[in-house]
């Protein structure tokens, strides 16, 4: 076993570094990560060029504007029924100019992930990002990975395809660990410390969380994110997923990955080394820096994110995690250690429960109660056979159906 961090995300290795401007494919272009990445590209036209875009199809006007402004070669939408609207929107913008190639359907983003480019930024939300992740790796592209779910549910599949340094993490926490790990070798690492803002409900007991609303959960104190990720931050499921991701990316055992609450979200994560030193990566809360690391590594992009004004006083706080009020991190460690399809079950059940909560069909505490029940019912994966994509899809399908059943049952009982 190497004394360096796992080759999945190794800051000591620059995978397929090319001179000049990098061609980028952006998956999830109309989401939070995608829009910020495009802004970075437009501010640095000498460094980056976007060649293709993919989105779900929910924001067609924005997608068409992005395509026209960037002059991309191809545009993809996951929802086939959105294709006519996209074509009309592009025609209105392009006029007599030829339109980019248009793709639609569940496999459209996966096709673009394998298209000619230097880097694929996977900013898709959810486990549907697995197929594009695998396609990008198999095609030999550098993968700037914001879609943590694809690594969570398909860890062994991703690890089998990834070459040294091929994956650059875009999560703020993992971009922080990635940079801090550059200061030493794997043998030097004692502990990874993943920071959590604590979300909007930091300091509340489980009993105090019983009646929180959708609006309460979406009011994140430091980050502006999509609704699913914001709810995951409120339950701290997002942090549990990041613990699994850290284990897979850096090949560090779960018992040496710690979560601490840091409300200011200035320190994005830390690495403690065997000599007692701890290196922390810090910026004001902003995704510009992690995105720039993902697209530009090993080079840094000037002014990618705001810097601190050290002439002003500030206070940085750190607190232990309340595991009783927020059991998600412990459950994530459990499924990560189980391996196999257990992480896929955990993630899929959570996605269904978050959807039910946002729709008003499940109380806040019901999210983790239901996910825990589904994970427990799934049990320990057996057989010891290598994980396959059909295994993941089958486990996800079962977990989603079971989560819906249990959520509906809990709602019915609450109303009785």
Protein backbone atom coordinates (compact mmCIF):
# COMPACT_ATOMS: atom_id res chain seq x y z
CA UNK A 1 0.00 0.00 0.00
CA UNK A 2 1.39 3.39 -1.00
CA UNK A 3 2.40 5.92 1.64
CA UNK A 4 0.72 8.64 -0.41
CA UNK A 5 -3.00 9.41 -0.34
CA UNK A 6 -5.21 7.24 -2.51
CA UNK A 7 -4.56 7.85 -6.22
CA UNK A 8 -8.24 8.71 -6.63
CA UNK A 9 -7.49 12.22 -5.42
CA UNK A 10 -3.76 12.76 -5.04
CA UNK A 11 -2.52 16.37 -4.90
CA UNK A 12 1.00 15.13 -5.66
CA UNK A 13 -0.09 13.95 -9.12
CA UNK A 14 -1.38 16.15 -11.94
CA UNK A 15 -3.29 13.83 -14.25
CA UNK A 16 -2.90 14.51 -17.99
CA UNK A 17 -1.79 18.12 -17.58
CA UNK A 18 -1.93 19.92 -20.94
CA UNK A 19 -0.56 23.28 -21.95
CA UNK A 20 -2.81 26.14 -22.94
CA UNK A 21 -6.55 26.51 -22.57
CA UNK A 22 -8.52 23.56 -21.18
CA UNK A 23 -11.73 22.36 -22.78
CA UNK A 24 -14.41 21.69 -20.14
CA UNK A 25 -17.68 19.75 -20.25
CA UNK A 26 -20.09 20.97 -17.56
CA UNK A 27 -22.72 18.52 -16.32
CA UNK A 28 -25.45 20.12 -14.24
CA UNK A 29 -24.78 23.50 -15.83
CA UNK A 30 -27.93 25.24 -14.55
CA UNK A 31 -27.38 24.23 -10.92
CA UNK A 32 -25.40 26.04 -8.26
CA UNK A 33 -22.04 24.43 -9.08
CA UNK A 34 -22.58 24.65 -12.83
CA UNK A 35 -23.50 28.33 -12.89
CA UNK A 36 -20.54 29.26 -10.69
CA UNK A 37 -18.19 27.19 -12.84
CA UNK A 38 -19.42 28.95 -15.97
CA UNK A 39 -18.86 32.31 -14.31
CA UNK A 40 -15.28 31.26 -13.52
CA UNK A 41 -14.74 30.18 -17.14
CA UNK A 42 -16.10 33.45 -18.52
CA UNK A 43 -13.75 35.40 -16.25
CA UNK A 44 -10.79 33.30 -17.42
CA UNK A 45 -11.19 32.77 -21.19
CA UNK A 46 -7.44 32.32 -21.62
CA UNK A 47 -7.51 29.30 -19.27
CA UNK A 48 -10.82 27.54 -19.97
CA UNK A 49 -13.37 26.95 -22.69
CA UNK A 50 -16.69 25.13 -22.23
CA UNK A 51 -17.38 22.75 -25.12
CA UNK A 52 -20.59 21.07 -23.94
CA UNK A 53 -23.36 21.50 -21.37
CA UNK A 54 -25.81 19.09 -19.75
CA UNK A 55 -28.75 19.85 -17.46
CA UNK A 56 -31.93 18.24 -16.25
CA UNK A 57 -34.15 20.46 -18.40
CA UNK A 58 -35.89 22.38 -15.66
CA UNK A 59 -34.36 25.76 -16.57
CA UNK A 60 -34.39 25.79 -20.34
CA UNK A 61 -34.06 29.55 -20.75
CA UNK A 62 -30.88 29.63 -18.67
CA UNK A 63 -29.46 26.57 -20.44
CA UNK A 64 -30.03 28.16 -23.84
CA UNK A 65 -28.42 31.42 -22.72
CA UNK A 66 -25.39 29.51 -21.42
CA UNK A 67 -25.03 27.58 -24.66
CA UNK A 68 -25.27 30.72 -26.79
CA UNK A 69 -22.86 32.75 -24.69
CA UNK A 70 -20.29 29.97 -24.50
CA UNK A 71 -20.71 28.86 -28.14
CA UNK A 72 -20.69 25.22 -27.11
CA UNK A 73 -20.64 22.32 -29.55
CA UNK A 74 -23.31 20.25 -27.78
CA UNK A 75 -26.15 20.61 -25.27
CA UNK A 76 -27.92 17.79 -23.45
CA UNK A 77 -31.12 17.59 -21.39
CA UNK A 78 -32.16 14.62 -19.28
CA UNK A 79 -35.89 15.23 -19.83
CA UNK A 80 -36.72 14.30 -23.42
CA UNK A 81 -39.95 16.29 -23.30
CA UNK A 82 -37.86 19.46 -22.78
CA UNK A 83 -36.06 19.07 -26.13
CA UNK A 84 -38.59 21.03 -28.28
CA UNK A 85 -38.56 23.94 -25.82
CA UNK A 86 -34.75 23.89 -25.81
CA UNK A 87 -34.60 23.90 -29.61
CA UNK A 88 -37.02 26.84 -29.76
CA UNK A 89 -35.08 28.79 -27.15
CA UNK A 90 -31.79 28.20 -28.95
CA UNK A 91 -33.28 29.12 -32.33
CA UNK A 92 -34.47 32.43 -30.89
CA UNK A 93 -30.96 33.21 -29.67
CA UNK A 94 -28.89 31.82 -32.55
CA UNK A 95 -31.04 33.16 -35.39
CA UNK A 96 -29.47 32.02 -38.65
CA UNK A 97 -26.41 30.57 -36.92
CA UNK A 98 -26.18 26.77 -36.76
CA UNK A 99 -27.39 25.29 -33.49
CA UNK A 100 -25.16 23.11 -31.30
CA UNK A 101 -25.71 19.36 -31.36
CA UNK A 102 -28.70 18.51 -29.16
CA UNK A 103 -29.03 15.35 -27.06
CA UNK A 104 -31.86 14.26 -24.81
CA UNK A 105 -32.66 11.39 -22.47
CA UNK A 106 -31.31 9.62 -19.44
CA UNK A 107 -28.00 8.82 -21.17
CA UNK A 108 -27.40 12.25 -22.70
CA UNK A 109 -25.10 13.52 -19.93
CA UNK A 110 -23.19 10.24 -20.02
CA UNK A 111 -22.55 10.68 -23.74
CA UNK A 112 -21.16 14.17 -23.17
CA UNK A 113 -18.99 12.93 -20.29
CA UNK A 114 -17.10 10.77 -22.78
CA UNK A 115 -16.82 13.50 -25.45
CA UNK A 116 -13.44 15.05 -26.35
CA UNK A 117 -12.31 17.49 -23.65
CA UNK A 118 -9.70 17.91 -20.94
CA UNK A 119 -11.96 18.01 -17.86
CA UNK A 120 -15.49 16.90 -17.07
CA UNK A 121 -17.11 18.83 -14.20
CA UNK A 122 -19.79 16.56 -12.76
CA UNK A 123 -22.11 18.94 -10.92
CA UNK A 124 -25.20 16.74 -11.19
CA UNK A 125 -27.12 16.22 -7.95
CA UNK A 126 -27.93 12.67 -6.91
CA UNK A 127 -26.84 9.15 -7.77
CA UNK A 128 -27.85 9.64 -11.41
CA UNK A 129 -24.37 11.13 -11.68
CA UNK A 130 -22.76 7.67 -11.43
CA UNK A 131 -22.95 6.77 -15.13
CA UNK A 132 -21.39 10.09 -16.28
CA UNK A 133 -18.64 9.70 -13.66
CA UNK A 134 -17.77 6.24 -14.95
CA UNK A 135 -17.94 7.40 -18.58
CA UNK A 136 -15.58 10.32 -17.96
CA UNK A 137 -13.05 8.10 -16.19
CA UNK A 138 -13.21 5.40 -18.83
CA UNK A 139 -12.67 8.01 -21.56
CA UNK A 140 -9.55 9.22 -19.77
CA UNK A 141 -10.82 12.67 -18.82
CA UNK A 142 -9.82 14.55 -15.71
CA UNK A 143 -12.91 14.42 -13.48
CA UNK A 144 -13.73 17.45 -11.36
CA UNK A 145 -16.16 15.72 -9.01
CA UNK A 146 -18.89 17.70 -7.29
CA UNK A 147 -21.35 14.79 -7.54
CA UNK A 148 -20.35 13.02 -4.32
CA UNK A 149 -23.23 10.55 -4.67
CA UNK A 150 -21.62 8.77 -7.62
CA UNK A 151 -18.59 7.96 -5.48
CA UNK A 152 -20.75 7.01 -2.50
CA UNK A 153 -22.96 4.53 -4.35
CA UNK A 154 -20.37 3.20 -6.77
CA UNK A 155 -17.14 3.44 -4.80
CA UNK A 156 -15.50 0.18 -5.95
CA UNK A 157 -16.58 0.83 -9.56
CA UNK A 158 -15.12 4.32 -9.51
CA UNK A 159 -11.90 3.20 -7.81
CA UNK A 160 -11.42 0.44 -10.37
CA UNK A 161 -11.50 2.93 -13.25
CA UNK A 162 -9.72 5.97 -11.78
CA UNK A 163 -6.06 6.44 -12.64
CA UNK A 164 -3.62 8.25 -10.34
CA UNK A 165 -4.66 11.86 -9.94
CA UNK A 166 -7.60 11.55 -12.33
CA UNK A 167 -10.23 12.75 -9.83
CA UNK A 168 -10.10 16.25 -8.36
CA UNK A 169 -12.75 16.80 -5.66
CA UNK A 170 -14.91 19.93 -5.88
CA UNK A 171 -16.75 19.70 -2.54
CA UNK A 172 -15.40 22.51 -0.36
CA UNK A 173 -14.44 20.00 2.35
CA UNK A 174 -12.65 17.63 0.01
CA UNK A 175 -10.96 20.40 -1.95
CA UNK A 176 -9.65 21.56 1.44
CA UNK A 177 -8.38 18.10 2.38
CA UNK A 178 -6.89 17.72 -1.10
CA UNK A 179 -4.87 20.91 -0.69
CA UNK A 180 -3.79 20.20 2.89
CA UNK A 181 -2.65 16.70 1.97
CA UNK A 182 -0.15 18.22 -0.47
CA UNK A 183 1.98 19.07 2.59
CA UNK A 184 2.81 15.44 3.36
CA UNK A 185 2.53 11.80 2.40
CA UNK A 186 -0.15 9.34 3.42
CA UNK A 187 2.20 7.92 6.06
CA UNK A 188 2.32 11.38 7.66
CA UNK A 189 -1.47 11.60 8.10
CA UNK A 190 -2.92 10.90 11.53
CA UNK A 191 -6.45 12.17 11.03
CA UNK A 192 -8.77 13.92 8.59
CA UNK A 193 -11.01 16.53 10.22
CA UNK A 194 -14.13 17.36 8.19
CA UNK A 195 -15.86 20.55 9.27
CA UNK A 196 -19.62 21.08 9.33
CA UNK A 197 -21.45 24.38 9.64
CA UNK A 198 -24.06 22.64 11.78
CA UNK A 199 -26.77 23.83 9.41
CA UNK A 200 -29.77 25.91 10.46
CA UNK A 201 -30.53 23.73 13.48
CA UNK A 202 -27.19 23.72 15.29
CA UNK A 203 -27.74 23.53 19.05
CA UNK A 204 -31.24 22.09 18.87
CA UNK A 205 -32.18 18.82 20.52
CA UNK A 206 -33.99 16.02 18.70
CA UNK A 207 -37.19 17.04 20.47
CA UNK A 208 -36.78 20.62 19.24
CA UNK A 209 -36.39 19.37 15.67
CA UNK A 210 -39.73 17.57 15.62
CA UNK A 211 -41.76 20.45 14.22
CA UNK A 212 -39.29 22.32 11.98
CA UNK A 213 -40.67 23.31 8.58
CA UNK A 214 -39.47 23.14 5.02
CA UNK A 215 -38.73 26.87 5.15
CA UNK A 216 -36.72 26.42 8.36
CA UNK A 217 -34.61 23.68 6.80
CA UNK A 218 -33.92 25.65 3.63
CA UNK A 219 -32.65 28.69 5.54
CA UNK A 220 -28.96 27.74 5.64
CA UNK A 221 -26.90 30.22 7.66
CA UNK A 222 -23.76 30.31 5.49
CA UNK A 223 -24.20 28.55 2.13
CA UNK A 224 -26.52 29.09 -0.85
CA UNK A 225 -27.25 25.66 -2.33
CA UNK A 226 -30.01 23.70 -4.03
CA UNK A 227 -32.93 22.42 -1.89
CA UNK A 228 -31.82 18.77 -1.66
CA UNK A 229 -28.27 19.62 -0.59
CA UNK A 230 -29.57 22.27 1.81
CA UNK A 231 -31.86 19.76 3.54
CA UNK A 232 -28.98 17.28 3.62
CA UNK A 233 -26.96 19.94 5.37
CA UNK A 234 -29.78 20.47 7.88
CA UNK A 235 -29.88 16.74 8.73
CA UNK A 236 -26.07 16.49 8.40
CA UNK A 237 -26.55 13.65 5.92
CA UNK A 238 -24.33 15.70 3.67
CA UNK A 239 -21.56 15.39 6.25
CA UNK A 240 -22.11 11.66 6.53
CA UNK A 241 -21.75 11.33 2.78
CA UNK A 242 -18.56 13.39 2.96
CA UNK A 243 -17.10 11.02 5.56
CA UNK A 244 -17.67 8.09 3.19
CA UNK A 245 -16.27 10.16 0.33
CA UNK A 246 -13.14 11.03 2.34
CA UNK A 247 -12.56 7.36 3.09
CA UNK A 248 -12.85 6.45 -0.59
CA UNK A 249 -10.89 9.38 -1.97
CA UNK A 250 -7.96 9.26 0.41
CA UNK A 251 -7.96 5.64 1.62
CA UNK A 252 -8.05 6.73 5.28
CA UNK A 253 -9.87 4.39 7.74
CA UNK A 254 -13.20 5.61 9.10
CA UNK A 255 -11.90 5.72 12.68
CA UNK A 256 -9.38 8.37 11.55
CA UNK A 257 -11.99 10.66 9.99
CA UNK A 258 -13.55 13.10 12.44
CA UNK A 259 -16.40 15.62 12.06
CA UNK A 260 -16.40 18.89 14.00
CA UNK A 261 -18.93 21.71 13.89
CA UNK A 262 -17.58 25.08 12.74
CA UNK A 263 -20.47 27.57 12.38
CA UNK A 264 -18.56 30.25 10.48
CA UNK A 265 -17.68 27.87 7.61
CA UNK A 266 -14.29 29.56 7.22
CA UNK A 267 -12.19 26.43 7.74
CA UNK A 268 -13.36 23.94 5.15
CA UNK A 269 -11.49 20.95 6.58
CA UNK A 270 -8.19 20.03 8.21
CA UNK A 271 -5.49 17.38 8.14
CA UNK A 272 -3.73 16.40 11.35
CA UNK A 273 -0.26 14.96 10.78
CA UNK A 274 1.70 12.55 12.94
CA UNK A 275 4.05 15.26 14.20
CA UNK A 276 1.12 17.07 15.84
CA UNK A 277 0.74 19.70 13.15
CA UNK A 278 -2.72 20.46 11.78
CA UNK A 279 -3.12 22.17 8.41
CA UNK A 280 -6.42 23.95 7.79
CA UNK A 281 -7.61 25.30 4.45
CA UNK A 282 -9.67 28.45 4.91
CA UNK A 283 -11.56 30.99 2.81
CA UNK A 284 -14.83 32.87 3.32
CA UNK A 285 -17.81 30.64 2.38
CA UNK A 286 -17.66 30.56 -1.42
CA UNK A 287 -17.49 27.70 -3.95
CA UNK A 288 -15.32 29.64 -6.40
CA UNK A 289 -12.11 28.29 -4.87
CA UNK A 290 -13.03 24.57 -4.89
CA UNK A 291 -14.35 24.87 -8.45
CA UNK A 292 -11.13 26.55 -9.56
CA UNK A 293 -9.09 23.76 -7.95
CA UNK A 294 -11.20 21.20 -9.79
CA UNK A 295 -10.79 22.87 -13.17
CA UNK A 296 -7.27 24.22 -12.92
CA UNK A 297 -5.15 21.95 -10.73
CA UNK A 298 -2.16 21.98 -10.31
CA UNK A 299 -2.35 25.66 -11.28
CA UNK A 300 -4.29 28.12 -9.16
CA UNK A 301 -6.71 30.58 -10.72
CA UNK A 302 -6.12 34.16 -9.49
CA UNK A 303 -9.04 35.77 -7.66
CA UNK A 304 -11.19 32.64 -7.96
CA UNK A 305 -12.68 33.33 -4.53
CA UNK A 306 -12.69 36.15 -1.98
CA UNK A 307 -9.91 36.31 0.59
CA UNK A 308 -10.02 37.28 4.25
CA UNK A 309 -9.47 40.82 5.39
CA UNK A 310 -6.99 40.11 8.16
CA UNK A 311 -7.16 43.71 9.38
CA UNK A 312 -10.60 42.96 10.84
CA UNK A 313 -11.16 40.97 14.02
CA UNK A 314 -13.06 37.70 13.71
CA UNK A 315 -13.90 34.69 15.86
CA UNK A 316 -13.68 31.10 14.66
CA UNK A 317 -15.50 28.49 16.75
CA UNK A 318 -15.37 24.68 16.84
CA UNK A 319 -17.81 22.36 18.62
CA UNK A 320 -18.24 18.58 18.93
CA UNK A 321 -20.97 16.96 16.87
CA UNK A 322 -24.28 16.21 18.64
CA UNK A 323 -24.73 12.62 17.54
CA UNK A 324 -28.08 12.21 19.31
CA UNK A 325 -29.80 15.07 17.51
CA UNK A 326 -27.98 14.30 14.26
CA UNK A 327 -27.45 10.53 13.93
CA UNK A 328 -26.79 10.71 10.19
CA UNK A 329 -22.98 10.79 10.43
CA UNK A 330 -22.87 7.66 12.57
CA UNK A 331 -25.24 5.86 10.22
CA UNK A 332 -23.12 6.89 7.24
CA UNK A 333 -20.00 5.47 8.90
CA UNK A 334 -21.90 2.23 9.47
CA UNK A 335 -22.98 1.84 5.84
CA UNK A 336 -19.55 2.89 4.64
CA UNK A 337 -17.96 0.13 6.68
CA UNK A 338 -20.55 -2.37 5.42
CA UNK A 339 -19.72 -1.45 1.84
CA UNK A 340 -21.31 -3.23 -1.10
CA UNK A 341 -24.73 -1.78 -1.87
CA UNK A 342 -25.31 -0.40 1.64
CA UNK A 343 -24.15 3.15 0.76
CA UNK A 344 -26.42 3.12 -2.29
CA UNK A 345 -29.36 2.10 -0.11
CA UNK A 346 -28.56 4.85 2.40
CA UNK A 347 -28.28 7.51 -0.31
CA UNK A 348 -31.36 6.44 -2.29
CA UNK A 349 -33.55 6.19 0.81
CA UNK A 350 -32.40 9.63 1.90
CA UNK A 351 -33.18 11.17 -1.50
CA UNK A 352 -36.72 9.81 -1.32
CA UNK A 353 -37.19 10.99 2.25
CA UNK A 354 -35.89 14.48 1.48
CA UNK A 355 -38.34 14.69 -1.41
CA UNK A 356 -41.16 13.62 0.91
CA UNK A 357 -40.11 16.21 3.51
CA UNK A 358 -39.97 19.01 0.93
CA UNK A 359 -43.43 17.99 -0.27
CA UNK A 360 -44.81 18.07 3.28
CA UNK A 361 -45.36 14.31 3.47
CA UNK A 362 -42.74 13.54 6.14
CA UNK A 363 -41.61 15.38 9.29
CA UNK A 364 -37.99 16.44 9.62
CA UNK A 365 -37.03 13.76 12.14
CA UNK A 366 -38.83 11.26 9.94
CA UNK A 367 -36.11 11.61 7.33
CA UNK A 368 -33.43 9.88 9.38
CA UNK A 369 -35.89 7.57 11.13
CA UNK A 370 -37.02 6.23 7.76
CA UNK A 371 -33.51 6.03 6.30
CA UNK A 372 -32.34 4.12 9.37
CA UNK A 373 -35.23 1.66 9.03
CA UNK A 374 -34.47 1.07 5.35
CA UNK A 375 -30.74 0.55 6.01
CA UNK A 376 -31.50 -1.84 8.89
CA UNK A 377 -33.92 -3.84 6.77
CA UNK A 378 -31.40 -4.05 3.94
CA UNK A 379 -28.94 -5.65 6.34
CA UNK A 380 -25.36 -6.63 5.66
CA UNK A 381 -24.38 -7.19 2.04
CA UNK A 382 -23.27 -10.74 1.47
CA UNK A 383 -21.53 -12.85 -1.10
CA UNK A 384 -18.28 -10.95 -1.40
CA UNK A 385 -18.69 -10.64 -5.16
CA UNK A 386 -17.50 -7.48 -6.93
CA UNK A 387 -20.04 -4.66 -7.08
CA UNK A 388 -21.69 -4.05 -10.46
CA UNK A 389 -23.79 -1.21 -11.85
CA UNK A 390 -26.89 -3.49 -11.96
CA UNK A 391 -26.31 -4.26 -8.26
CA UNK A 392 -26.34 -0.55 -7.46
CA UNK A 393 -29.44 0.13 -9.56
CA UNK A 394 -31.34 -2.81 -8.06
CA UNK A 395 -30.45 -1.76 -4.51
CA UNK A 396 -31.45 1.83 -5.20
CA UNK A 397 -34.77 0.80 -6.72
CA UNK A 398 -35.59 -1.33 -3.68
CA UNK A 399 -34.48 1.38 -1.23
CA UNK A 400 -36.54 4.09 -2.93
CA UNK A 401 -39.66 1.94 -2.99
CA UNK A 402 -39.22 0.86 0.63
CA UNK A 403 -38.55 4.43 1.78
CA UNK A 404 -41.73 5.61 0.06
CA UNK A 405 -43.73 2.83 1.72
CA UNK A 406 -42.37 3.57 5.19
CA UNK A 407 -42.78 7.33 4.76
CA UNK A 408 -46.40 6.90 3.67
CA UNK A 409 -47.05 4.57 6.60
CA UNK A 410 -45.54 7.06 9.06
CA UNK A 411 -47.67 9.87 7.62
CA UNK A 412 -50.82 7.80 7.82
CA UNK A 413 -50.11 6.86 11.44
CA UNK A 414 -49.43 10.49 12.35
CA UNK A 415 -52.76 11.56 10.89
CA UNK A 416 -54.75 8.73 12.48
